[in-house]
PDB file of N, CA and C in Angstrom:
ATOM      1  N   MET A   1      16.393 -12.312  -6.345  1.00  0.00           N
ATOM      2  CA  MET A   1      15.023 -12.476  -6.804  1.00  0.00           C
ATOM      3  C   MET A   1      14.675 -11.352  -7.778  1.00  0.00           C
ATOM      4  N   ASP A   2      14.054 -11.693  -8.890  1.00  0.00           N
ATOM      5  CA  ASP A   2      13.672 -10.703  -9.891  1.00  0.00           C
ATOM      6  C   ASP A   2      12.302 -10.140  -9.549  1.00  0.00           C
ATOM      7  N   ASN A   3      12.304  -8.875  -9.144  1.00  0.00           N
ATOM      8  CA  ASN A   3      11.065  -8.214  -8.743  1.00  0.00           C
ATOM      9  C   ASN A   3      10.445  -7.394  -9.861  1.00  0.00           C
ATOM     10  N   SER A   4      11.061  -7.401 -11.043  1.00  0.00           N
ATOM     11  CA  SER A   4      10.609  -6.522 -12.123  1.00  0.00           C
ATOM     12  C   SER A   4       9.156  -6.788 -12.528  1.00  0.00           C
ATOM     13  N   LYS A   5       8.714  -8.022 -12.419  1.00  0.00           N
ATOM     14  CA  LYS A   5       7.329  -8.346 -12.774  1.00  0.00           C
ATOM     15  C   LYS A   5       6.353  -7.626 -11.829  1.00  0.00           C
ATOM     16  N   ILE A   6       6.686  -7.599 -10.554  1.00  0.00           N
ATOM     17  CA  ILE A   6       5.840  -6.900  -9.569  1.00  0.00           C
ATOM     18  C   ILE A   6       5.899  -5.394  -9.810  1.00  0.00           C
ATOM     19  N   TYR A   7       7.097  -4.872 -10.066  1.00  0.00           N
ATOM     20  CA  TYR A   7       7.267  -3.428 -10.264  1.00  0.00           C
ATOM     21  C   TYR A   7       6.485  -2.926 -11.469  1.00  0.00           C
ATOM     22  N   LYS A   8       6.346  -3.756 -12.472  1.00  0.00           N
ATOM     23  CA  LYS A   8       5.663  -3.354 -13.709  1.00  0.00           C
ATOM     24  C   LYS A   8       4.170  -3.672 -13.691  1.00  0.00           C
ATOM     25  N   MET A   9       3.702  -4.285 -12.602  1.00  0.00           N
ATOM     26  CA  MET A   9       2.281  -4.600 -12.495  1.00  0.00           C
ATOM     27  C   MET A   9       1.489  -3.307 -12.327  1.00  0.00           C
ATOM     28  N   PRO A  10       0.422  -3.129 -13.110  1.00  0.00           N
ATOM     29  CA  PRO A  10      -0.386  -1.909 -12.970  1.00  0.00           C
ATOM     30  C   PRO A  10      -1.035  -1.830 -11.583  1.00  0.00           C
ATOM     31  N   PHE A  11      -0.866  -0.684 -10.945  1.00  0.00           N
ATOM     32  CA  PHE A  11      -1.476  -0.487  -9.631  1.00  0.00           C
ATOM     33  C   PHE A  11      -2.995  -0.615  -9.734  1.00  0.00           C
ATOM     34  N   ALA A  12      -3.561  -0.192 -10.852  1.00  0.00           N
ATOM     35  CA  ALA A  12      -5.016  -0.271 -11.059  1.00  0.00           C
ATOM     36  C   ALA A  12      -5.513  -1.717 -11.064  1.00  0.00           C
ATOM     37  N   LYS A  13      -4.636  -2.658 -11.312  1.00  0.00           N
ATOM     38  CA  LYS A  13      -5.014  -4.069 -11.281  1.00  0.00           C
ATOM     39  C   LYS A  13      -5.074  -4.592  -9.839  1.00  0.00           C
ATOM     40  N   VAL A  14      -4.227  -4.063  -8.976  1.00  0.00           N
ATOM     41  CA  VAL A  14      -4.137  -4.528  -7.595  1.00  0.00           C
ATOM     42  C   VAL A  14      -5.090  -3.764  -6.670  1.00  0.00           C
ATOM     43  N   TYR A  15      -5.319  -2.497  -6.974  1.00  0.00           N
ATOM     44  CA  TYR A  15      -6.169  -1.641  -6.142  1.00  0.00           C
ATOM     45  C   TYR A  15      -7.542  -2.271  -5.859  1.00  0.00           C
ATOM     46  N   PRO A  16      -8.254  -2.789  -6.870  1.00  0.00           N
ATOM     47  CA  PRO A  16      -9.555  -3.410  -6.574  1.00  0.00           C
ATOM     48  C   PRO A  16      -9.421  -4.643  -5.672  1.00  0.00           C
ATOM     49  N   LEU A  17      -8.286  -5.323  -5.743  1.00  0.00           N
ATOM     50  CA  LEU A  17      -8.070  -6.485  -4.884  1.00  0.00           C
ATOM     51  C   LEU A  17      -7.902  -6.061  -3.425  1.00  0.00           C
ATOM     52  N   TYR A  18      -7.235  -4.928  -3.211  1.00  0.00           N
ATOM     53  CA  TYR A  18      -7.123  -4.379  -1.860  1.00  0.00           C
ATOM     54  C   TYR A  18      -8.525  -4.060  -1.319  1.00  0.00           C
ATOM     55  N   ILE A  19      -9.338  -3.450  -2.156  1.00  0.00           N
ATOM     56  CA  ILE A  19     -10.697  -3.084  -1.739  1.00  0.00           C
ATOM     57  C   ILE A  19     -11.526  -4.334  -1.438  1.00  0.00           C
ATOM     58  N   GLN A  20     -11.445  -5.328  -2.315  1.00  0.00           N
ATOM     59  CA  GLN A  20     -12.193  -6.572  -2.095  1.00  0.00           C
ATOM     60  C   GLN A  20     -11.782  -7.242  -0.792  1.00  0.00           C
ATOM     61  N   LYS A  21     -10.483  -7.280  -0.534  1.00  0.00           N
ATOM     62  CA  LYS A  21      -9.984  -7.900   0.698  1.00  0.00           C
ATOM     63  C   LYS A  21     -10.552  -7.176   1.913  1.00  0.00           C
ATOM     64  N   ALA A  22     -10.540  -5.862   1.864  1.00  0.00           N
ATOM     65  CA  ALA A  22     -11.071  -5.066   2.981  1.00  0.00           C
ATOM     66  C   ALA A  22     -12.573  -5.275   3.135  1.00  0.00           C
ATOM     67  N   GLU A  23     -13.304  -5.214   2.039  1.00  0.00           N
ATOM     68  CA  GLU A  23     -14.763  -5.325   2.100  1.00  0.00           C
ATOM     69  C   GLU A  23     -15.231  -6.703   2.559  1.00  0.00           C
ATOM     70  N   ARG A  24     -14.471  -7.742   2.222  1.00  0.00           N
ATOM     71  CA  ARG A  24     -14.824  -9.094   2.696  1.00  0.00           C
ATOM     72  C   ARG A  24     -14.808  -9.163   4.214  1.00  0.00           C
ATOM     73  N   LYS A  25     -14.030  -8.282   4.827  1.00  0.00           N
ATOM     74  CA  LYS A  25     -13.909  -8.266   6.286  1.00  0.00           C
ATOM     75  C   LYS A  25     -14.679  -7.107   6.913  1.00  0.00           C
ATOM     76  N   GLY A  26     -15.601  -6.517   6.138  1.00  0.00           N
ATOM     77  CA  GLY A  26     -16.447  -5.467   6.682  1.00  0.00           C
ATOM     78  C   GLY A  26     -15.813  -4.085   6.724  1.00  0.00           C
ATOM     79  N   ARG A  27     -14.710  -3.898   6.023  1.00  0.00           N
ATOM     80  CA  ARG A  27     -14.058  -2.594   5.972  1.00  0.00           C
ATOM     81  C   ARG A  27     -14.454  -1.912   4.657  1.00  0.00           C
ATOM     82  N   THR A  28     -13.949  -0.705   4.409  1.00  0.00           N
ATOM     83  CA  THR A  28     -14.446   0.073   3.279  1.00  0.00           C
ATOM     84  C   THR A  28     -13.337   0.535   2.337  1.00  0.00           C
ATOM     85  N   GLN A  29     -13.767   0.926   1.135  1.00  0.00           N
ATOM     86  CA  GLN A  29     -12.843   1.531   0.172  1.00  0.00           C
ATOM     87  C   GLN A  29     -12.269   2.819   0.739  1.00  0.00           C
ATOM     88  N   LYS A  30     -13.084   3.566   1.456  1.00  0.00           N
ATOM     89  CA  LYS A  30     -12.622   4.812   2.064  1.00  0.00           C
ATOM     90  C   LYS A  30     -11.436   4.552   2.994  1.00  0.00           C
ATOM     91  N   GLU A  31     -11.489   3.464   3.751  1.00  0.00           N
ATOM     92  CA  GLU A  31     -10.380   3.116   4.646  1.00  0.00           C
ATOM     93  C   GLU A  31      -9.139   2.700   3.858  1.00  0.00           C
ATOM     94  N   VAL A  32      -9.340   1.959   2.785  1.00  0.00           N
ATOM     95  CA  VAL A  32      -8.210   1.591   1.915  1.00  0.00           C
ATOM     96  C   VAL A  32      -7.560   2.856   1.368  1.00  0.00           C
ATOM     97  N   ASP A  33      -8.387   3.775   0.887  1.00  0.00           N
ATOM     98  CA  ASP A  33      -7.858   5.034   0.355  1.00  0.00           C
ATOM     99  C   ASP A  33      -7.118   5.821   1.435  1.00  0.00           C
ATOM    100  N   GLU A  34      -7.660   5.854   2.638  1.00  0.00           N
ATOM    101  CA  GLU A  34      -7.008   6.570   3.732  1.00  0.00           C
ATOM    102  C   GLU A  34      -5.615   6.002   4.008  1.00  0.00           C
ATOM    103  N   ILE A  35      -5.493   4.694   3.945  1.00  0.00           N
ATOM    104  CA  ILE A  35      -4.192   4.042   4.129  1.00  0.00           C
ATOM    105  C   ILE A  35      -3.235   4.458   3.016  1.00  0.00           C
ATOM    106  N   ILE A  36      -3.713   4.443   1.783  1.00  0.00           N
ATOM    107  CA  ILE A  36      -2.869   4.837   0.645  1.00  0.00           C
ATOM    108  C   ILE A  36      -2.450   6.296   0.776  1.00  0.00           C
ATOM    109  N   PHE A  37      -3.388   7.162   1.133  1.00  0.00           N
ATOM    110  CA  PHE A  37      -3.066   8.589   1.292  1.00  0.00           C
ATOM    111  C   PHE A  37      -2.029   8.779   2.402  1.00  0.00           C
ATOM    112  N   TRP A  38      -2.212   8.072   3.507  1.00  0.00           N
ATOM    113  CA  TRP A  38      -1.285   8.187   4.634  1.00  0.00           C
ATOM    114  C   TRP A  38       0.128   7.734   4.241  1.00  0.00           C
ATOM    115  N   LEU A  39       0.209   6.588   3.572  1.00  0.00           N
ATOM    116  CA  LEU A  39       1.519   6.028   3.238  1.00  0.00           C
ATOM    117  C   LEU A  39       2.244   6.832   2.169  1.00  0.00           C
ATOM    118  N   THR A  40       1.515   7.306   1.164  1.00  0.00           N
ATOM    119  CA  THR A  40       2.160   7.873  -0.026  1.00  0.00           C
ATOM    120  C   THR A  40       2.054   9.387  -0.170  1.00  0.00           C
ATOM    121  N   GLY A  41       1.105   9.997   0.499  1.00  0.00           N
ATOM    122  CA  GLY A  41       0.897  11.432   0.325  1.00  0.00           C
ATOM    123  C   GLY A  41      -0.019  11.766  -0.838  1.00  0.00           C
ATOM    124  N   TYR A  42      -0.486  10.755  -1.570  1.00  0.00           N
ATOM    125  CA  TYR A  42      -1.459  11.027  -2.629  1.00  0.00           C
ATOM    126  C   TYR A  42      -2.751  11.533  -1.993  1.00  0.00           C
ATOM    127  N   ASP A  43      -3.559  12.210  -2.807  1.00  0.00           N
ATOM    128  CA  ASP A  43      -4.908  12.577  -2.398  1.00  0.00           C
ATOM    129  C   ASP A  43      -5.880  11.905  -3.368  1.00  0.00           C
ATOM    130  N   LYS A  44      -7.154  12.173  -3.184  1.00  0.00           N
ATOM    131  CA  LYS A  44      -8.174  11.516  -4.004  1.00  0.00           C
ATOM    132  C   LYS A  44      -7.947  11.763  -5.500  1.00  0.00           C
ATOM    133  N   TYR A  45      -7.659  13.005  -5.842  1.00  0.00           N
ATOM    134  CA  TYR A  45      -7.463  13.362  -7.246  1.00  0.00           C
ATOM    135  C   TYR A  45      -6.221  12.688  -7.835  1.00  0.00           C
ATOM    136  N   SER A  46      -5.101  12.760  -7.132  1.00  0.00           N
ATOM    137  CA  SER A  46      -3.866  12.186  -7.677  1.00  0.00           C
ATOM    138  C   SER A  46      -3.934  10.657  -7.731  1.00  0.00           C
ATOM    139  N   LEU A  47      -4.634  10.035  -6.781  1.00  0.00           N
ATOM    140  CA  LEU A  47      -4.823   8.579  -6.845  1.00  0.00           C
ATOM    141  C   LEU A  47      -5.660   8.228  -8.072  1.00  0.00           C
ATOM    142  N   PHE A  48      -6.702   9.008  -8.329  1.00  0.00           N
ATOM    143  CA  PHE A  48      -7.526   8.782  -9.512  1.00  0.00           C
ATOM    144  C   PHE A  48      -6.677   8.865 -10.786  1.00  0.00           C
ATOM    145  N   GLN A  49      -5.761   9.831 -10.841  1.00  0.00           N
ATOM    146  CA  GLN A  49      -4.880   9.964 -12.005  1.00  0.00           C
ATOM    147  C   GLN A  49      -3.999   8.729 -12.186  1.00  0.00           C
ATOM    148  N   ILE A  50      -3.428   8.255 -11.084  1.00  0.00           N
ATOM    149  CA  ILE A  50      -2.577   7.057 -11.130  1.00  0.00           C
ATOM    150  C   ILE A  50      -3.377   5.875 -11.667  1.00  0.00           C
ATOM    151  N   LEU A  51      -4.590   5.717 -11.147  1.00  0.00           N
ATOM    152  CA  LEU A  51      -5.441   4.610 -11.585  1.00  0.00           C
ATOM    153  C   LEU A  51      -5.854   4.772 -13.050  1.00  0.00           C
ATOM    154  N   SER A  52      -6.198   5.981 -13.447  1.00  0.00           N
ATOM    155  CA  SER A  52      -6.633   6.249 -14.821  1.00  0.00           C
ATOM    156  C   SER A  52      -5.512   6.043 -15.833  1.00  0.00           C
ATOM    157  N   ASN A  53      -4.295   6.373 -15.418  1.00  0.00           N
ATOM    158  CA  ASN A  53      -3.141   6.233 -16.316  1.00  0.00           C
ATOM    159  C   ASN A  53      -2.599   4.809 -16.356  1.00  0.00           C
ATOM    160  N   ASN A  54      -3.190   3.925 -15.563  1.00  0.00           N
ATOM    161  CA  ASN A  54      -2.744   2.538 -15.495  1.00  0.00           C
ATOM    162  C   ASN A  54      -1.266   2.443 -15.120  1.00  0.00           C
ATOM    163  N   SER A  55      -0.833   3.322 -14.215  1.00  0.00           N
ATOM    164  CA  SER A  55       0.563   3.365 -13.779  1.00  0.00           C
ATOM    165  C   SER A  55       0.936   2.092 -13.028  1.00  0.00           C
ATOM    166  N   ASP A  56       2.187   1.679 -13.213  1.00  0.00           N
ATOM    167  CA  ASP A  56       2.669   0.490 -12.515  1.00  0.00           C
ATOM    168  C   ASP A  56       3.126   0.847 -11.103  1.00  0.00           C
ATOM    169  N   PHE A  57       3.462  -0.184 -10.315  1.00  0.00           N
ATOM    170  CA  PHE A  57       3.899   0.054  -8.936  1.00  0.00           C
ATOM    171  C   PHE A  57       5.141   0.930  -8.885  1.00  0.00           C
ATOM    172  N   ASP A  58       6.056   0.737  -9.823  1.00  0.00           N
ATOM    173  CA  ASP A  58       7.273   1.554  -9.852  1.00  0.00           C
ATOM    174  C   ASP A  58       6.908   3.037  -9.967  1.00  0.00           C
ATOM    175  N   THR A  59       6.054   3.360 -10.905  1.00  0.00           N
ATOM    176  CA  THR A  59       5.622   4.744 -11.112  1.00  0.00           C
ATOM    177  C   THR A  59       4.802   5.238  -9.917  1.00  0.00           C
ATOM    178  N   PHE A  60       3.927   4.388  -9.412  1.00  0.00           N
ATOM    179  CA  PHE A  60       3.082   4.746  -8.267  1.00  0.00           C
ATOM    180  C   PHE A  60       3.934   5.243  -7.107  1.00  0.00           C
ATOM    181  N   PHE A  61       4.979   4.508  -6.766  1.00  0.00           N
ATOM    182  CA  PHE A  61       5.811   4.916  -5.629  1.00  0.00           C
ATOM    183  C   PHE A  61       6.852   5.968  -6.008  1.00  0.00           C
ATOM    184  N   LYS A  62       7.331   5.941  -7.236  1.00  0.00           N
ATOM    185  CA  LYS A  62       8.324   6.933  -7.664  1.00  0.00           C
ATOM    186  C   LYS A  62       7.748   8.343  -7.597  1.00  0.00           C
ATOM    187  N   TYR A  63       6.467   8.482  -7.953  1.00  0.00           N
ATOM    188  CA  TYR A  63       5.836   9.803  -7.971  1.00  0.00           C
ATOM    189  C   TYR A  63       4.959  10.079  -6.751  1.00  0.00           C
ATOM    190  N   ALA A  64       5.054   9.219  -5.760  1.00  0.00           N
ATOM    191  CA  ALA A  64       4.305   9.479  -4.519  1.00  0.00           C
ATOM    192  C   ALA A  64       4.810  10.789  -3.934  1.00  0.00           C
ATOM    193  N   PRO A  65       3.894  11.679  -3.566  1.00  0.00           N
ATOM    194  CA  PRO A  65       4.328  12.978  -3.029  1.00  0.00           C
ATOM    195  C   PRO A  65       5.294  12.867  -1.855  1.00  0.00           C
ATOM    196  N   LYS A  66       5.019  11.929  -0.939  1.00  0.00           N
ATOM    197  CA  LYS A  66       5.908  11.777   0.208  1.00  0.00           C
ATOM    198  C   LYS A  66       5.568  10.486   0.937  1.00  0.00           C
ATOM    199  N   ILE A  67       6.556   9.618   1.081  1.00  0.00           N
ATOM    200  CA  ILE A  67       6.340   8.425   1.892  1.00  0.00           C
ATOM    201  C   ILE A  67       6.332   8.872   3.356  1.00  0.00           C
ATOM    202  N   ASN A  68       5.297   8.478   4.060  1.00  0.00           N
ATOM    203  CA  ASN A  68       5.130   8.907   5.444  1.00  0.00           C
ATOM    204  C   ASN A  68       6.328   8.446   6.286  1.00  0.00           C
ATOM    205  N   PRO A  69       6.932   9.353   7.042  1.00  0.00           N
ATOM    206  CA  PRO A  69       8.077   8.966   7.870  1.00  0.00           C
ATOM    207  C   PRO A  69       7.734   7.895   8.909  1.00  0.00           C
ATOM    208  N   ASN A  70       6.479   7.826   9.308  1.00  0.00           N
ATOM    209  CA  ASN A  70       6.058   6.789  10.252  1.00  0.00           C
ATOM    210  C   ASN A  70       5.948   5.409   9.611  1.00  0.00           C
ATOM    211  N   ALA A  71       6.157   5.335   8.296  1.00  0.00           N
ATOM    212  CA  ALA A  71       6.154   4.029   7.634  1.00  0.00           C
ATOM    213  C   ALA A  71       7.263   3.145   8.198  1.00  0.00           C
ATOM    214  N   ALA A  72       8.317   3.759   8.709  1.00  0.00           N
ATOM    215  CA  ALA A  72       9.414   2.991   9.316  1.00  0.00           C
ATOM    216  C   ALA A  72       8.946   2.200  10.540  1.00  0.00           C
ATOM    217  N   LYS A  73       7.785   2.555  11.074  1.00  0.00           N
ATOM    218  CA  LYS A  73       7.234   1.847  12.237  1.00  0.00           C
ATOM    219  C   LYS A  73       6.479   0.583  11.835  1.00  0.00           C
ATOM    220  N   ILE A  74       6.296   0.365  10.542  1.00  0.00           N
ATOM    221  CA  ILE A  74       5.569  -0.812  10.066  1.00  0.00           C
ATOM    222  C   ILE A  74       6.488  -2.023  10.211  1.00  0.00           C
ATOM    223  N   LYS A  75       6.011  -2.985  10.944  1.00  0.00           N
ATOM    224  CA  LYS A  75       6.788  -4.195  11.199  1.00  0.00           C
ATOM    225  C   LYS A  75       5.892  -5.396  10.960  1.00  0.00           C
ATOM    226  N   GLY A  76       6.511  -6.509  10.665  1.00  0.00           N
ATOM    227  CA  GLY A  76       5.745  -7.737  10.514  1.00  0.00           C
ATOM    228  C   GLY A  76       6.143  -8.507   9.285  1.00  0.00           C
ATOM    229  N   ILE A  77       5.394  -9.555   9.026  1.00  0.00           N
ATOM    230  CA  ILE A  77       5.719 -10.478   7.941  1.00  0.00           C
ATOM    231  C   ILE A  77       4.651 -10.419   6.855  1.00  0.00           C
ATOM    232  N   VAL A  78       5.114 -10.300   5.622  1.00  0.00           N
ATOM    233  CA  VAL A  78       4.253 -10.384   4.438  1.00  0.00           C
ATOM    234  C   VAL A  78       4.948 -11.331   3.478  1.00  0.00           C
ATOM    235  N   CYS A  79       4.226 -12.311   3.000  1.00  0.00           N
ATOM    236  CA  CYS A  79       4.782 -13.300   2.066  1.00  0.00           C
ATOM    237  C   CYS A  79       6.027 -13.975   2.652  1.00  0.00           C
ATOM    238  N   GLY A  80       6.011 -14.187   3.956  1.00  0.00           N
ATOM    239  CA  GLY A  80       7.100 -14.884   4.615  1.00  0.00           C
ATOM    240  C   GLY A  80       8.361 -14.064   4.837  1.00  0.00           C
ATOM    241  N   ILE A  81       8.286 -12.771   4.586  1.00  0.00           N
ATOM    242  CA  ILE A  81       9.463 -11.907   4.720  1.00  0.00           C
ATOM    243  C   ILE A  81       9.136 -10.749   5.659  1.00  0.00           C
ATOM    244  N   ARG A  82      10.064 -10.456   6.560  1.00  0.00           N
ATOM    245  CA  ARG A  82       9.901  -9.311   7.462  1.00  0.00           C
ATOM    246  C   ARG A  82      10.030  -8.027   6.659  1.00  0.00           C
ATOM    247  N   VAL A  83       8.983  -7.202   6.677  1.00  0.00           N
ATOM    248  CA  VAL A  83       8.975  -5.984   5.863  1.00  0.00           C
ATOM    249  C   VAL A  83      10.054  -4.999   6.291  1.00  0.00           C
ATOM    250  N   GLU A  84      10.351  -4.964   7.577  1.00  0.00           N
ATOM    251  CA  GLU A  84      11.354  -4.014   8.055  1.00  0.00           C
ATOM    252  C   GLU A  84      12.777  -4.379   7.617  1.00  0.00           C
ATOM    253  N   ASN A  85      12.977  -5.616   7.133  1.00  0.00           N
ATOM    254  CA  ASN A  85      14.311  -6.061   6.708  1.00  0.00           C
ATOM    255  C   ASN A  85      14.514  -6.039   5.194  1.00  0.00           C
ATOM    256  N   ILE A  86      13.514  -5.629   4.450  1.00  0.00           N
ATOM    257  CA  ILE A  86      13.634  -5.594   2.995  1.00  0.00           C
ATOM    258  C   ILE A  86      14.539  -4.432   2.614  1.00  0.00           C
ATOM    259  N   GLU A  87      15.613  -4.723   1.887  1.00  0.00           N
ATOM    260  CA  GLU A  87      16.598  -3.693   1.543  1.00  0.00           C
ATOM    261  C   GLU A  87      16.190  -2.864   0.324  1.00  0.00           C
ATOM    262  N   ASP A  88      15.524  -3.483  -0.629  1.00  0.00           N
ATOM    263  CA  ASP A  88      15.068  -2.786  -1.832  1.00  0.00           C
ATOM    264  C   ASP A  88      13.907  -1.873  -1.432  1.00  0.00           C
ATOM    265  N   LYS A  89      14.108  -0.566  -1.497  1.00  0.00           N
ATOM    266  CA  LYS A  89      13.107   0.399  -1.010  1.00  0.00           C
ATOM    267  C   LYS A  89      11.769   0.278  -1.729  1.00  0.00           C
ATOM    268  N   LEU A  90      11.788   0.078  -3.029  1.00  0.00           N
ATOM    269  CA  LEU A  90      10.527  -0.044  -3.762  1.00  0.00           C
ATOM    270  C   LEU A  90       9.754  -1.268  -3.282  1.00  0.00           C
ATOM    271  N   MET A  91      10.432  -2.392  -3.164  1.00  0.00           N
ATOM    272  CA  MET A  91       9.760  -3.605  -2.691  1.00  0.00           C
ATOM    273  C   MET A  91       9.287  -3.413  -1.256  1.00  0.00           C
ATOM    274  N   GLN A  92      10.076  -2.728  -0.447  1.00  0.00           N
ATOM    275  CA  GLN A  92       9.668  -2.476   0.922  1.00  0.00           C
ATOM    276  C   GLN A  92       8.394  -1.640   0.971  1.00  0.00           C
ATOM    277  N   HIS A  93       8.300  -0.624   0.127  1.00  0.00           N
ATOM    278  CA  HIS A  93       7.095   0.211   0.101  1.00  0.00           C
ATOM    279  C   HIS A  93       5.881  -0.592  -0.357  1.00  0.00           C
ATOM    280  N   ILE A  94       6.070  -1.446  -1.344  1.00  0.00           N
ATOM    281  CA  ILE A  94       4.969  -2.303  -1.813  1.00  0.00           C
ATOM    282  C   ILE A  94       4.499  -3.200  -0.669  1.00  0.00           C
ATOM    283  N   ARG A  95       5.438  -3.795   0.035  1.00  0.00           N
ATOM    284  CA  ARG A  95       5.091  -4.698   1.142  1.00  0.00           C
ATOM    285  C   ARG A  95       4.527  -3.940   2.337  1.00  0.00           C
ATOM    286  N   PHE A  96       4.970  -2.703   2.547  1.00  0.00           N
ATOM    287  CA  PHE A  96       4.352  -1.872   3.591  1.00  0.00           C
ATOM    288  C   PHE A  96       2.862  -1.722   3.297  1.00  0.00           C
ATOM    289  N   LEU A  97       2.533  -1.401   2.054  1.00  0.00           N
ATOM    290  CA  LEU A  97       1.129  -1.235   1.682  1.00  0.00           C
ATOM    291  C   LEU A  97       0.369  -2.543   1.873  1.00  0.00           C
ATOM    292  N   ASP A  98       0.967  -3.655   1.458  1.00  0.00           N
ATOM    293  CA  ASP A  98       0.332  -4.966   1.664  1.00  0.00           C
ATOM    294  C   ASP A  98       0.065  -5.214   3.144  1.00  0.00           C
ATOM    295  N   LYS A  99       1.047  -4.903   3.969  1.00  0.00           N
ATOM    296  CA  LYS A  99       0.935  -5.129   5.414  1.00  0.00           C
ATOM    297  C   LYS A  99      -0.193  -4.280   6.011  1.00  0.00           C
ATOM    298  N   LEU A 100      -0.281  -3.023   5.602  1.00  0.00           N
ATOM    299  CA  LEU A 100      -1.331  -2.146   6.115  1.00  0.00           C
ATOM    300  C   LEU A 100      -2.720  -2.649   5.719  1.00  0.00           C
ATOM    301  N   ILE A 101      -2.853  -3.118   4.487  1.00  0.00           N
ATOM    302  CA  ILE A 101      -4.141  -3.662   4.031  1.00  0.00           C
ATOM    303  C   ILE A 101      -4.465  -4.944   4.799  1.00  0.00           C
ATOM    304  N   ASP A 102      -3.443  -5.769   5.057  1.00  0.00           N
ATOM    305  CA  ASP A 102      -3.652  -6.975   5.873  1.00  0.00           C
ATOM    306  C   ASP A 102      -4.165  -6.605   7.257  1.00  0.00           C
ATOM    307  N   GLU A 103      -3.567  -5.596   7.855  1.00  0.00           N
ATOM    308  CA  GLU A 103      -3.989  -5.159   9.188  1.00  0.00           C
ATOM    309  C   GLU A 103      -5.423  -4.653   9.171  1.00  0.00           C
ATOM    310  N   LEU A 104      -5.784  -3.939   8.120  1.00  0.00           N
ATOM    311  CA  LEU A 104      -7.160  -3.461   7.978  1.00  0.00           C
ATOM    312  C   LEU A 104      -8.121  -4.648   7.925  1.00  0.00           C
ATOM    313  N   ALA A 105      -7.784  -5.630   7.104  1.00  0.00           N
ATOM    314  CA  ALA A 105      -8.646  -6.804   6.942  1.00  0.00           C
ATOM    315  C   ALA A 105      -8.723  -7.635   8.227  1.00  0.00           C
ATOM    316  N   LYS A 106      -7.713  -7.539   9.061  1.00  0.00           N
ATOM    317  CA  LYS A 106      -7.722  -8.291  10.327  1.00  0.00           C
ATOM    318  C   LYS A 106      -8.474  -7.560  11.434  1.00  0.00           C
ATOM    319  N   GLY A 107      -8.993  -6.370  11.116  1.00  0.00           N
ATOM    320  CA  GLY A 107      -9.839  -5.669  12.068  1.00  0.00           C
ATOM    321  C   GLY A 107      -9.139  -4.663  12.961  1.00  0.00           C
ATOM    322  N   LYS A 108      -7.875  -4.370  12.705  1.00  0.00           N
ATOM    323  CA  LYS A 108      -7.188  -3.362  13.527  1.00  0.00           C
ATOM    324  C   LYS A 108      -7.844  -2.003  13.334  1.00  0.00           C
ATOM    325  N   SER A 109      -7.757  -1.180  14.352  1.00  0.00           N
ATOM    326  CA  SER A 109      -8.304   0.174  14.258  1.00  0.00           C
ATOM    327  C   SER A 109      -7.434   1.008  13.327  1.00  0.00           C
ATOM    328  N   MET A 110      -8.041   1.992  12.698  1.00  0.00           N
ATOM    329  CA  MET A 110      -7.287   2.870  11.800  1.00  0.00           C
ATOM    330  C   MET A 110      -6.179   3.598  12.553  1.00  0.00           C
ATOM    331  N   GLU A 111      -6.429   3.937  13.790  1.00  0.00           N
ATOM    332  CA  GLU A 111      -5.418   4.609  14.610  1.00  0.00           C
ATOM    333  C   GLU A 111      -4.156   3.755  14.718  1.00  0.00           C
ATOM    334  N   LYS A 112      -4.319   2.456  14.945  1.00  0.00           N
ATOM    335  CA  LYS A 112      -3.158   1.570  15.047  1.00  0.00           C
ATOM    336  C   LYS A 112      -2.511   1.336  13.679  1.00  0.00           C
ATOM    337  N   ILE A 113      -3.342   1.176  12.660  1.00  0.00           N
ATOM    338  CA  ILE A 113      -2.806   0.950  11.316  1.00  0.00           C
ATOM    339  C   ILE A 113      -1.951   2.123  10.876  1.00  0.00           C
ATOM    340  N   LEU A 114      -2.408   3.328  11.162  1.00  0.00           N
ATOM    341  CA  LEU A 114      -1.702   4.534  10.729  1.00  0.00           C
ATOM    342  C   LEU A 114      -0.628   4.974  11.726  1.00  0.00           C
ATOM    343  N   ARG A 115      -0.310   4.100  12.642  1.00  0.00           N
ATOM    344  CA  ARG A 115       0.796   4.324  13.584  1.00  0.00           C
ATOM    345  C   ARG A 115       0.685   5.656  14.314  1.00  0.00           C
ATOM    346  N   GLU A 116      -0.514   5.985  14.776  1.00  0.00           N
ATOM    347  CA  GLU A 116      -0.722   7.264  15.485  1.00  0.00           C
ATOM    348  C   GLU A 116      -0.521   7.097  16.968  1.00  0.00           C
TER     349      GLU A 116
END
């Protein structure tokens, strides 16, 4: 499967969709940001830079300060595929983020989402 189209998609294009999905279910942008910070190690300032630079998903994850080691605990299905079985690390990280946002929208507590 050719994932290059997803890898080159600007993160700034998808970020508002994550927020909309969360807000439709009564969650907040702050919670979306907390998930992103937890998964990638970005902070508010560095996330703003990524968004301002219109960086793609490849760049977003390539320059992430640190993928949280507890990300390996993320399990489940996104787009019909088990995230824990995805061999391509970049695609796995993208799907991890999708899965966490899905969990937020489904009403899970932040404690459970962040695997604490």
